[in-house]
Amino acid sequence: MRCVIARYPFELTKAGVLASMEGVAPEPITGESVTIGRRRYPVKQVGEVVTRQDRRDFTGREVTLAMTRLGFTCHPHPDAEPGTAFGAPPSALPTPQNLLDDPGPVVPREA
């Protein structure tokens, strides 16, 4: 499957990712993660191993999308609120209509 990570195109396959991560010890999970085989890896670690790029050059979102498309199970940040995983908009996000209906806090004017 062709995907773009850090503005570079990559041809990734599920077998290729499994082979790349074989023998790699998982780092502690502090954010989004992906299950590869029987281990759970941080998405930035997977992206670094698979692309051979510095993990500062790409986002976790790019790797999460690629791994999801390949069929791997991805997990949100451990502290993420339910329903906001992987950039899903929260239900409390204001809509244009809500902004028009709610004038916000009223600040009294000084005379």
Protein backbone atom coordinates (compact mmCIF):
# COMPACT_ATOMS: atom_id res chain seq x y z
CA MET A 1 0.00 0.00 0.00
CA ARG A 2 1.31 3.43 -0.88
CA CYS A 3 1.24 6.02 1.89
CA VAL A 4 2.91 9.35 2.52
CA ILE A 5 4.74 9.89 5.79
CA ALA A 6 6.70 13.11 6.35
CA ARG A 7 6.08 14.13 2.71
CA TYR A 8 7.81 10.98 1.40
CA PRO A 9 5.95 8.16 -0.35
CA PHE A 10 6.37 4.64 1.02
CA GLU A 11 5.18 1.26 -0.24
CA LEU A 12 4.25 -0.54 2.97
CA THR A 13 2.88 -4.04 3.37
CA LYS A 14 1.63 -5.77 6.48
CA ALA A 15 4.30 -8.48 6.07
CA GLY A 16 6.99 -5.84 5.63
CA VAL A 17 5.98 -4.03 8.81
CA LEU A 18 5.89 -7.33 10.73
CA ALA A 19 9.38 -8.20 9.44
CA SER A 20 10.74 -4.72 10.29
CA MET A 21 9.42 -4.84 13.86
CA GLU A 22 10.61 -8.39 14.52
CA GLY A 23 13.12 -8.40 17.36
CA VAL A 24 12.47 -4.73 18.27
CA ALA A 25 11.74 -4.21 21.95
CA PRO A 26 8.77 -1.92 22.57
CA GLU A 27 9.38 1.38 24.34
CA PRO A 28 7.05 2.52 27.15
CA ILE A 29 3.64 3.65 25.89
CA THR A 30 3.12 7.37 26.49
CA GLY A 31 0.81 8.24 23.59
CA GLU A 32 -0.92 6.57 20.66
CA SER A 33 0.14 2.97 20.09
CA VAL A 34 -0.24 0.13 17.61
CA THR A 35 -0.40 -3.63 18.16
CA ILE A 36 1.98 -5.49 15.87
CA GLY A 37 2.08 -9.23 16.37
CA ARG A 38 1.65 -9.77 20.11
CA ARG A 39 3.38 -6.53 21.14
CA ARG A 40 2.16 -2.99 21.52
CA TYR A 41 4.48 -0.25 20.24
CA PRO A 42 4.30 3.55 20.33
CA VAL A 43 3.36 4.78 16.84
CA LYS A 44 6.42 7.04 16.68
CA GLN A 45 8.71 4.05 17.30
CA VAL A 46 6.98 2.08 14.54
CA GLY A 47 7.25 5.02 12.14
CA GLU A 48 10.94 5.44 12.88
CA VAL A 49 11.72 1.75 12.33
CA VAL A 50 9.58 1.34 9.21
CA THR A 51 10.56 4.59 7.44
CA ARG A 52 14.10 4.94 8.83
CA GLN A 53 13.38 8.62 9.44
CA ASP A 54 13.81 10.63 12.60
CA ARG A 55 10.58 10.56 14.61
CA ARG A 56 10.54 14.35 14.76
CA ASP A 57 9.98 14.43 10.98
CA PHE A 58 6.50 12.88 11.00
CA THR A 59 3.37 12.91 13.12
CA GLY A 60 1.87 10.02 15.01
CA ARG A 61 -1.31 10.61 13.06
CA GLU A 62 0.43 9.79 9.76
CA VAL A 63 1.71 6.48 11.12
CA THR A 64 -1.63 5.67 12.79
CA LEU A 65 -3.48 6.15 9.50
CA ALA A 66 -0.99 3.98 7.61
CA MET A 67 -1.05 1.19 10.21
CA THR A 68 -4.86 1.24 10.35
CA ARG A 69 -5.06 0.95 6.56
CA LEU A 70 -2.70 -2.03 6.72
CA GLY A 71 -5.00 -3.74 9.20
CA PHE A 72 -3.13 -3.25 12.47
CA THR A 73 -5.02 -2.32 15.63
CA CYS A 74 -4.25 1.20 16.81
CA HIS A 75 -4.96 2.52 20.30
CA PRO A 76 -5.53 6.15 21.41
CA HIS A 77 -3.47 8.03 23.96
CA PRO A 78 -4.00 6.45 27.41
CA ASP A 79 -5.35 9.76 28.80
CA ALA A 80 -7.61 10.54 25.82
CA GLU A 81 -11.25 11.29 26.51
CA PRO A 82 -13.73 8.78 25.11
CA GLY A 83 -14.88 9.72 21.62
CA THR A 84 -11.88 11.93 20.83
CA ALA A 85 -9.47 9.21 19.76
CA PHE A 86 -7.28 9.91 16.73
CA GLY A 87 -8.57 13.38 16.07
CA ALA A 88 -12.31 12.64 16.09
CA PRO A 89 -14.06 15.91 16.89
CA PRO A 90 -15.56 16.08 20.38
CA SER A 91 -19.33 16.60 20.56
CA ALA A 92 -18.86 19.80 22.56
CA LEU A 93 -17.13 21.53 19.65
CA PRO A 94 -19.08 24.70 18.91
CA THR A 95 -20.92 24.91 15.60
CA PRO A 96 -21.61 28.19 13.81
CA GLN A 97 -25.27 28.02 14.91
CA ASN A 98 -24.29 27.47 18.56
CA LEU A 99 -22.01 30.49 18.42
CA LEU A 100 -24.88 32.66 17.13
CA ASP A 101 -27.36 31.35 19.72
CA ASP A 102 -25.02 31.78 22.71
CA PRO A 103 -23.75 35.34 23.13
CA GLY A 104 -21.23 34.20 25.73
CA PRO A 105 -20.51 35.89 29.04
CA VAL A 106 -21.97 39.34 29.49
CA VAL A 107 -19.38 41.86 30.62
CA PRO A 108 -20.90 44.92 32.31
CA ARG A 109 -19.74 48.30 31.03
CA GLU A 110 -18.40 50.91 33.35
CA ALA A 111 -20.28 54.21 33.30
